[in-house]
Amino acid sequence: MAVMEGIMNLFVKEVVSAERVVAAIRRFADLDASQTPAPKEAEQALLLWITKACQSLKKRLTAEVDGHVSVR
């Protein structure tokens, strides 16, 4: 189990960079740099991505229920 976890951690560190995650977030959500500190580690970057994706989805679903069409 420890070997598998180590391999997964290495993969995440090789594939995920904070800059790429922030660029992806900016494509679908507003990212205020003054309120959201830049992630320093891959795990922090992925958690930020998940958080912003969920917030964006909630905002979009709320807008659809209220009858609005375009939400960013």
PDB file of N, CA and C in Angstrom:
ATOM      1  N   MET A   1       0.829  -1.188   0.000  1.00  0.00           N
ATOM      2  CA  MET A   1       0.000   0.000   0.000  1.00  0.00           C
ATOM      3  C   MET A   1       0.879   1.259   0.000  1.00  0.00           C
ATOM      4  N   ALA A   2       1.938   1.252   0.754  1.00  0.00           N
ATOM      5  CA  ALA A   2       2.825   2.414   0.824  1.00  0.00           C
ATOM      6  C   ALA A   2       3.506   2.671  -0.513  1.00  0.00           C
ATOM      7  N   VAL A   3       3.859   1.612  -1.219  1.00  0.00           N
ATOM      8  CA  VAL A   3       4.499   1.772  -2.529  1.00  0.00           C
ATOM      9  C   VAL A   3       3.531   2.419  -3.507  1.00  0.00           C
ATOM     10  N   MET A   4       2.289   1.960  -3.498  1.00  0.00           N
ATOM     11  CA  MET A   4       1.282   2.527  -4.392  1.00  0.00           C
ATOM     12  C   MET A   4       1.045   4.000  -4.082  1.00  0.00           C
ATOM     13  N   GLU A   5       0.950   4.345  -2.814  1.00  0.00           N
ATOM     14  CA  GLU A   5       0.767   5.747  -2.431  1.00  0.00           C
ATOM     15  C   GLU A   5       1.954   6.589  -2.871  1.00  0.00           C
ATOM     16  N   GLY A   6       3.151   6.072  -2.736  1.00  0.00           N
ATOM     17  CA  GLY A   6       4.343   6.792  -3.181  1.00  0.00           C
ATOM     18  C   GLY A   6       4.348   7.032  -4.674  1.00  0.00           C
ATOM     19  N   ILE A   7       3.946   6.027  -5.432  1.00  0.00           N
ATOM     20  CA  ILE A   7       3.882   6.174  -6.890  1.00  0.00           C
ATOM     21  C   ILE A   7       2.832   7.211  -7.277  1.00  0.00           C
ATOM     22  N   MET A   8       1.687   7.186  -6.617  1.00  0.00           N
ATOM     23  CA  MET A   8       0.635   8.165  -6.913  1.00  0.00           C
ATOM     24  C   MET A   8       1.091   9.579  -6.564  1.00  0.00           C
ATOM     25  N   ASN A   9       1.772   9.742  -5.442  1.00  0.00           N
ATOM     26  CA  ASN A   9       2.273  11.065  -5.062  1.00  0.00           C
ATOM     27  C   ASN A   9       3.295  11.575  -6.072  1.00  0.00           C
ATOM     28  N   LEU A  10       4.175  10.715  -6.519  1.00  0.00           N
ATOM     29  CA  LEU A  10       5.167  11.106  -7.519  1.00  0.00           C
ATOM     30  C   LEU A  10       4.484  11.515  -8.816  1.00  0.00           C
ATOM     31  N   PHE A  11       3.473  10.766  -9.240  1.00  0.00           N
ATOM     32  CA  PHE A  11       2.747  11.090 -10.458  1.00  0.00           C
ATOM     33  C   PHE A  11       2.088  12.462 -10.361  1.00  0.00           C
ATOM     34  N   VAL A  12       1.436  12.728  -9.225  1.00  0.00           N
ATOM     35  CA  VAL A  12       0.768  14.018  -9.037  1.00  0.00           C
ATOM     36  C   VAL A  12       1.778  15.154  -9.107  1.00  0.00           C
ATOM     37  N   LYS A  13       2.923  14.986  -8.476  1.00  0.00           N
ATOM     38  CA  LYS A  13       3.936  16.043  -8.488  1.00  0.00           C
ATOM     39  C   LYS A  13       4.536  16.255  -9.868  1.00  0.00           C
ATOM     40  N   GLU A  14       4.574  15.218 -10.685  1.00  0.00           N
ATOM     41  CA  GLU A  14       5.095  15.341 -12.043  1.00  0.00           C
ATOM     42  C   GLU A  14       4.085  15.979 -12.988  1.00  0.00           C
ATOM     43  N   VAL A  15       2.813  15.708 -12.789  1.00  0.00           N
ATOM     44  CA  VAL A  15       1.782  16.132 -13.735  1.00  0.00           C
ATOM     45  C   VAL A  15       1.162  17.478 -13.359  1.00  0.00           C
ATOM     46  N   VAL A  16       0.938  17.693 -12.077  1.00  0.00           N
ATOM     47  CA  VAL A  16       0.215  18.881 -11.622  1.00  0.00           C
ATOM     48  C   VAL A  16       1.201  19.988 -11.262  1.00  0.00           C
ATOM     49  N   SER A  17       1.006  21.143 -11.874  1.00  0.00           N
ATOM     50  CA  SER A  17       1.767  22.317 -11.465  1.00  0.00           C
ATOM     51  C   SER A  17       0.767  23.400 -11.049  1.00  0.00           C
ATOM     52  N   ALA A  18       1.154  24.181 -10.072  1.00  0.00           N
ATOM     53  CA  ALA A  18       0.259  25.223  -9.556  1.00  0.00           C
ATOM     54  C   ALA A  18      -0.148  26.196 -10.658  1.00  0.00           C
ATOM     55  N   GLU A  19       0.762  26.535 -11.537  1.00  0.00           N
ATOM     56  CA  GLU A  19       0.470  27.493 -12.605  1.00  0.00           C
ATOM     57  C   GLU A  19      -0.595  26.954 -13.557  1.00  0.00           C
ATOM     58  N   ARG A  20      -0.494  25.677 -13.909  1.00  0.00           N
ATOM     59  CA  ARG A  20      -1.478  25.076 -14.816  1.00  0.00           C
ATOM     60  C   ARG A  20      -2.844  24.973 -14.158  1.00  0.00           C
ATOM     61  N   VAL A  21      -2.869  24.665 -12.885  1.00  0.00           N
ATOM     62  CA  VAL A  21      -4.147  24.572 -12.178  1.00  0.00           C
ATOM     63  C   VAL A  21      -4.808  25.945 -12.100  1.00  0.00           C
ATOM     64  N   VAL A  22      -4.039  26.969 -11.761  1.00  0.00           N
ATOM     65  CA  VAL A  22      -4.581  28.329 -11.686  1.00  0.00           C
ATOM     66  C   VAL A  22      -5.082  28.773 -13.060  1.00  0.00           C
ATOM     67  N   ALA A  23      -4.354  28.452 -14.117  1.00  0.00           N
ATOM     68  CA  ALA A  23      -4.798  28.806 -15.474  1.00  0.00           C
ATOM     69  C   ALA A  23      -6.110  28.097 -15.809  1.00  0.00           C
ATOM     70  N   ALA A  24      -6.243  26.853 -15.407  1.00  0.00           N
ATOM     71  CA  ALA A  24      -7.478  26.121 -15.657  1.00  0.00           C
ATOM     72  C   ALA A  24      -8.642  26.735 -14.890  1.00  0.00           C
ATOM     73  N   ILE A  25      -8.409  27.106 -13.648  1.00  0.00           N
ATOM     74  CA  ILE A  25      -9.465  27.723 -12.834  1.00  0.00           C
ATOM     75  C   ILE A  25      -9.925  29.032 -13.460  1.00  0.00           C
ATOM     76  N   ARG A  26      -8.999  29.812 -13.964  1.00  0.00           N
ATOM     77  CA  ARG A  26      -9.360  31.110 -14.560  1.00  0.00           C
ATOM     78  C   ARG A  26     -10.221  30.954 -15.805  1.00  0.00           C
ATOM     79  N   ARG A  27     -10.205  29.776 -16.436  1.00  0.00           N
ATOM     80  CA  ARG A  27     -11.052  29.550 -17.619  1.00  0.00           C
ATOM     81  C   ARG A  27     -12.514  29.398 -17.253  1.00  0.00           C
ATOM     82  N   PHE A  28     -12.822  28.956 -16.027  1.00  0.00           N
ATOM     83  CA  PHE A  28     -14.229  28.741 -15.694  1.00  0.00           C
ATOM     84  C   PHE A  28     -14.706  29.500 -14.467  1.00  0.00           C
ATOM     85  N   ALA A  29     -13.819  30.187 -13.753  1.00  0.00           N
ATOM     86  CA  ALA A  29     -14.244  30.899 -12.548  1.00  0.00           C
ATOM     87  C   ALA A  29     -13.371  32.120 -12.325  1.00  0.00           C
ATOM     88  N   ASP A  30     -13.933  33.055 -11.578  1.00  0.00           N
ATOM     89  CA  ASP A  30     -13.137  34.213 -11.184  1.00  0.00           C
ATOM     90  C   ASP A  30     -12.188  33.784 -10.071  1.00  0.00           C
ATOM     91  N   LEU A  31     -10.933  34.179 -10.207  1.00  0.00           N
ATOM     92  CA  LEU A  31      -9.939  33.830  -9.202  1.00  0.00           C
ATOM     93  C   LEU A  31      -9.289  35.123  -8.744  1.00  0.00           C
ATOM     94  N   ASP A  32      -9.699  35.594  -7.581  1.00  0.00           N
ATOM     95  CA  ASP A  32      -9.167  36.826  -7.015  1.00  0.00           C
ATOM     96  C   ASP A  32      -7.867  36.510  -6.291  1.00  0.00           C
ATOM     97  N   ALA A  33      -6.755  36.990  -6.856  1.00  0.00           N
ATOM     98  CA  ALA A  33      -5.438  36.680  -6.297  1.00  0.00           C
ATOM     99  C   ALA A  33      -5.253  37.273  -4.904  1.00  0.00           C
ATOM    100  N   SER A  34      -5.945  38.367  -4.610  1.00  0.00           N
ATOM    101  CA  SER A  34      -5.788  38.982  -3.290  1.00  0.00           C
ATOM    102  C   SER A  34      -6.492  38.161  -2.204  1.00  0.00           C
ATOM    103  N   GLN A  35      -7.547  37.428  -2.567  1.00  0.00           N
ATOM    104  CA  GLN A  35      -8.278  36.635  -1.588  1.00  0.00           C
ATOM    105  C   GLN A  35      -7.861  35.172  -1.586  1.00  0.00           C
ATOM    106  N   THR A  36      -7.288  34.707  -2.691  1.00  0.00           N
ATOM    107  CA  THR A  36      -6.902  33.305  -2.807  1.00  0.00           C
ATOM    108  C   THR A  36      -5.392  33.226  -2.985  1.00  0.00           C
ATOM    109  N   PRO A  37      -4.683  32.740  -1.982  1.00  0.00           N
ATOM    110  CA  PRO A  37      -3.232  32.633  -2.131  1.00  0.00           C
ATOM    111  C   PRO A  37      -2.867  31.575  -3.171  1.00  0.00           C
ATOM    112  N   ALA A  38      -1.778  31.807  -3.871  1.00  0.00           N
ATOM    113  CA  ALA A  38      -1.326  30.850  -4.880  1.00  0.00           C
ATOM    114  C   ALA A  38      -0.886  29.563  -4.192  1.00  0.00           C
ATOM    115  N   PRO A  39      -1.320  28.442  -4.721  1.00  0.00           N
ATOM    116  CA  PRO A  39      -0.922  27.170  -4.108  1.00  0.00           C
ATOM    117  C   PRO A  39       0.565  26.922  -4.283  1.00  0.00           C
ATOM    118  N   LYS A  40       1.172  26.354  -3.255  1.00  0.00           N
ATOM    119  CA  LYS A  40       2.609  26.092  -3.297  1.00  0.00           C
ATOM    120  C   LYS A  40       2.906  24.626  -3.605  1.00  0.00           C
ATOM    121  N   GLU A  41       1.974  23.735  -3.332  1.00  0.00           N
ATOM    122  CA  GLU A  41       2.173  22.312  -3.564  1.00  0.00           C
ATOM    123  C   GLU A  41       1.072  21.770  -4.460  1.00  0.00           C
ATOM    124  N   ALA A  42       1.344  20.633  -5.076  1.00  0.00           N
ATOM    125  CA  ALA A  42       0.389  20.034  -5.992  1.00  0.00           C
ATOM    126  C   ALA A  42      -0.927  19.695  -5.290  1.00  0.00           C
ATOM    127  N   GLU A  43      -0.840  19.201  -4.068  1.00  0.00           N
ATOM    128  CA  GLU A  43      -2.049  18.841  -3.331  1.00  0.00           C
ATOM    129  C   GLU A  43      -2.911  20.065  -3.057  1.00  0.00           C
ATOM    130  N   GLN A  44      -2.285  21.175  -2.691  1.00  0.00           N
ATOM    131  CA  GLN A  44      -3.025  22.424  -2.465  1.00  0.00           C
ATOM    132  C   GLN A  44      -3.666  22.910  -3.754  1.00  0.00           C
ATOM    133  N   ALA A  45      -2.955  22.779  -4.860  1.00  0.00           N
ATOM    134  CA  ALA A  45      -3.487  23.212  -6.151  1.00  0.00           C
ATOM    135  C   ALA A  45      -4.718  22.392  -6.527  1.00  0.00           C
ATOM    136  N   LEU A  46      -4.663  21.087  -6.306  1.00  0.00           N
ATOM    137  CA  LEU A  46      -5.815  20.246  -6.631  1.00  0.00           C
ATOM    138  C   LEU A  46      -7.004  20.535  -5.728  1.00  0.00           C
ATOM    139  N   LEU A  47      -6.751  20.791  -4.460  1.00  0.00           N
ATOM    140  CA  LEU A  47      -7.851  21.152  -3.552  1.00  0.00           C
ATOM    141  C   LEU A  47      -8.471  22.485  -3.955  1.00  0.00           C
ATOM    142  N   LEU A  48      -7.647  23.442  -4.380  1.00  0.00           N
ATOM    143  CA  LEU A  48      -8.166  24.722  -4.854  1.00  0.00           C
ATOM    144  C   LEU A  48      -9.028  24.513  -6.096  1.00  0.00           C
ATOM    145  N   TRP A  49      -8.574  23.656  -7.013  1.00  0.00           N
ATOM    146  CA  TRP A  49      -9.332  23.375  -8.225  1.00  0.00           C
ATOM    147  C   TRP A  49     -10.690  22.762  -7.889  1.00  0.00           C
ATOM    148  N   ILE A  50     -10.699  21.801  -6.986  1.00  0.00           N
ATOM    149  CA  ILE A  50     -11.952  21.160  -6.591  1.00  0.00           C
ATOM    150  C   ILE A  50     -12.901  22.179  -5.960  1.00  0.00           C
ATOM    151  N   THR A  51     -12.377  23.012  -5.078  1.00  0.00           N
ATOM    152  CA  THR A  51     -13.195  24.023  -4.405  1.00  0.00           C
ATOM    153  C   THR A  51     -13.805  24.989  -5.406  1.00  0.00           C
ATOM    154  N   LYS A  52     -12.989  25.519  -6.306  1.00  0.00           N
ATOM    155  CA  LYS A  52     -13.485  26.494  -7.287  1.00  0.00           C
ATOM    156  C   LYS A  52     -14.444  25.839  -8.283  1.00  0.00           C
ATOM    157  N   ALA A  53     -14.201  24.591  -8.644  1.00  0.00           N
ATOM    158  CA  ALA A  53     -15.105  23.898  -9.558  1.00  0.00           C
ATOM    159  C   ALA A  53     -16.471  23.702  -8.912  1.00  0.00           C
ATOM    160  N   CYS A  54     -16.489  23.314  -7.645  1.00  0.00           N
ATOM    161  CA  CYS A  54     -17.761  23.133  -6.934  1.00  0.00           C
ATOM    162  C   CYS A  54     -18.497  24.465  -6.773  1.00  0.00           C
ATOM    163  N   GLN A  55     -17.762  25.530  -6.453  1.00  0.00           N
ATOM    164  CA  GLN A  55     -18.381  26.851  -6.317  1.00  0.00           C
ATOM    165  C   GLN A  55     -18.974  27.309  -7.650  1.00  0.00           C
ATOM    166  N   SER A  56     -18.241  27.100  -8.723  1.00  0.00           N
ATOM    167  CA  SER A  56     -18.717  27.498 -10.045  1.00  0.00           C
ATOM    168  C   SER A  56     -19.951  26.704 -10.451  1.00  0.00           C
ATOM    169  N   LEU A  57     -19.950  25.416 -10.183  1.00  0.00           N
ATOM    170  CA  LEU A  57     -21.107  24.577 -10.490  1.00  0.00           C
ATOM    171  C   LEU A  57     -22.328  25.006  -9.687  1.00  0.00           C
ATOM    172  N   LYS A  58     -22.130  25.284  -8.413  1.00  0.00           N
ATOM    173  CA  LYS A  58     -23.238  25.741  -7.568  1.00  0.00           C
ATOM    174  C   LYS A  58     -23.807  27.058  -8.087  1.00  0.00           C
ATOM    175  N   LYS A  59     -22.924  27.966  -8.486  1.00  0.00           N
ATOM    176  CA  LYS A  59     -23.352  29.258  -9.009  1.00  0.00           C
ATOM    177  C   LYS A  59     -24.149  29.082 -10.306  1.00  0.00           C
ATOM    178  N   ARG A  60     -23.671  28.202 -11.181  1.00  0.00           N
ATOM    179  CA  ARG A  60     -24.351  27.959 -12.444  1.00  0.00           C
ATOM    180  C   ARG A  60     -25.714  27.309 -12.233  1.00  0.00           C
ATOM    181  N   LEU A  61     -25.781  26.325 -11.348  1.00  0.00           N
ATOM    182  CA  LEU A  61     -27.058  25.661 -11.070  1.00  0.00           C
ATOM    183  C   LEU A  61     -28.059  26.615 -10.442  1.00  0.00           C
ATOM    184  N   THR A  62     -27.605  27.466  -9.549  1.00  0.00           N
ATOM    185  CA  THR A  62     -28.475  28.463  -8.937  1.00  0.00           C
ATOM    186  C   THR A  62     -29.019  29.413  -9.991  1.00  0.00           C
ATOM    187  N   ALA A  63     -28.162  29.831 -10.921  1.00  0.00           N
ATOM    188  CA  ALA A  63     -28.593  30.734 -11.985  1.00  0.00           C
ATOM    189  C   ALA A  63     -29.605  30.054 -12.905  1.00  0.00           C
ATOM    190  N   GLU A  64     -29.407  28.785 -13.197  1.00  0.00           N
ATOM    191  CA  GLU A  64     -30.353  28.070 -14.049  1.00  0.00           C
ATOM    192  C   GLU A  64     -31.715  27.939 -13.360  1.00  0.00           C
ATOM    193  N   VAL A  65     -31.704  27.678 -12.071  1.00  0.00           N
ATOM    194  CA  VAL A  65     -32.958  27.558 -11.329  1.00  0.00           C
ATOM    195  C   VAL A  65     -33.678  28.911 -11.299  1.00  0.00           C
ATOM    196  N   ASP A  66     -32.915  29.981 -11.167  1.00  0.00           N
ATOM    197  CA  ASP A  66     -33.501  31.316 -11.115  1.00  0.00           C
ATOM    198  C   ASP A  66     -33.891  31.853 -12.495  1.00  0.00           C
ATOM    199  N   GLY A  67     -33.486  31.139 -13.559  1.00  0.00           N
ATOM    200  CA  GLY A  67     -33.878  31.560 -14.904  1.00  0.00           C
ATOM    201  C   GLY A  67     -32.830  32.348 -15.635  1.00  0.00           C
ATOM    202  N   HIS A  68     -31.678  32.534 -15.081  1.00  0.00           N
ATOM    203  CA  HIS A  68     -30.601  33.232 -15.780  1.00  0.00           C
ATOM    204  C   HIS A  68     -29.894  32.242 -16.680  1.00  0.00           C
ATOM    205  N   VAL A  69     -29.330  32.759 -17.783  1.00  0.00           N
ATOM    206  CA  VAL A  69     -28.686  31.871 -18.730  1.00  0.00           C
ATOM    207  C   VAL A  69     -27.178  31.875 -18.586  1.00  0.00           C
ATOM    208  N   SER A  70     -26.550  33.032 -18.623  1.00  0.00           N
ATOM    209  CA  SER A  70     -25.100  33.115 -18.663  1.00  0.00           C
ATOM    210  C   SER A  70     -24.538  33.461 -17.296  1.00  0.00           C
ATOM    211  N   VAL A  71     -23.661  32.610 -16.788  1.00  0.00           N
ATOM    212  CA  VAL A  71     -23.020  32.824 -15.495  1.00  0.00           C
ATOM    213  C   VAL A  71     -21.557  32.490 -15.635  1.00  0.00           C
ATOM    214  N   ARG A  72     -20.726  33.276 -15.033  1.00  0.00           N
ATOM    215  CA  ARG A  72     -19.302  32.976 -15.026  1.00  0.00           C
ATOM    216  C   ARG A  72     -18.822  32.794 -13.636  1.00  0.00           C
TER     217      ARG A  72
END
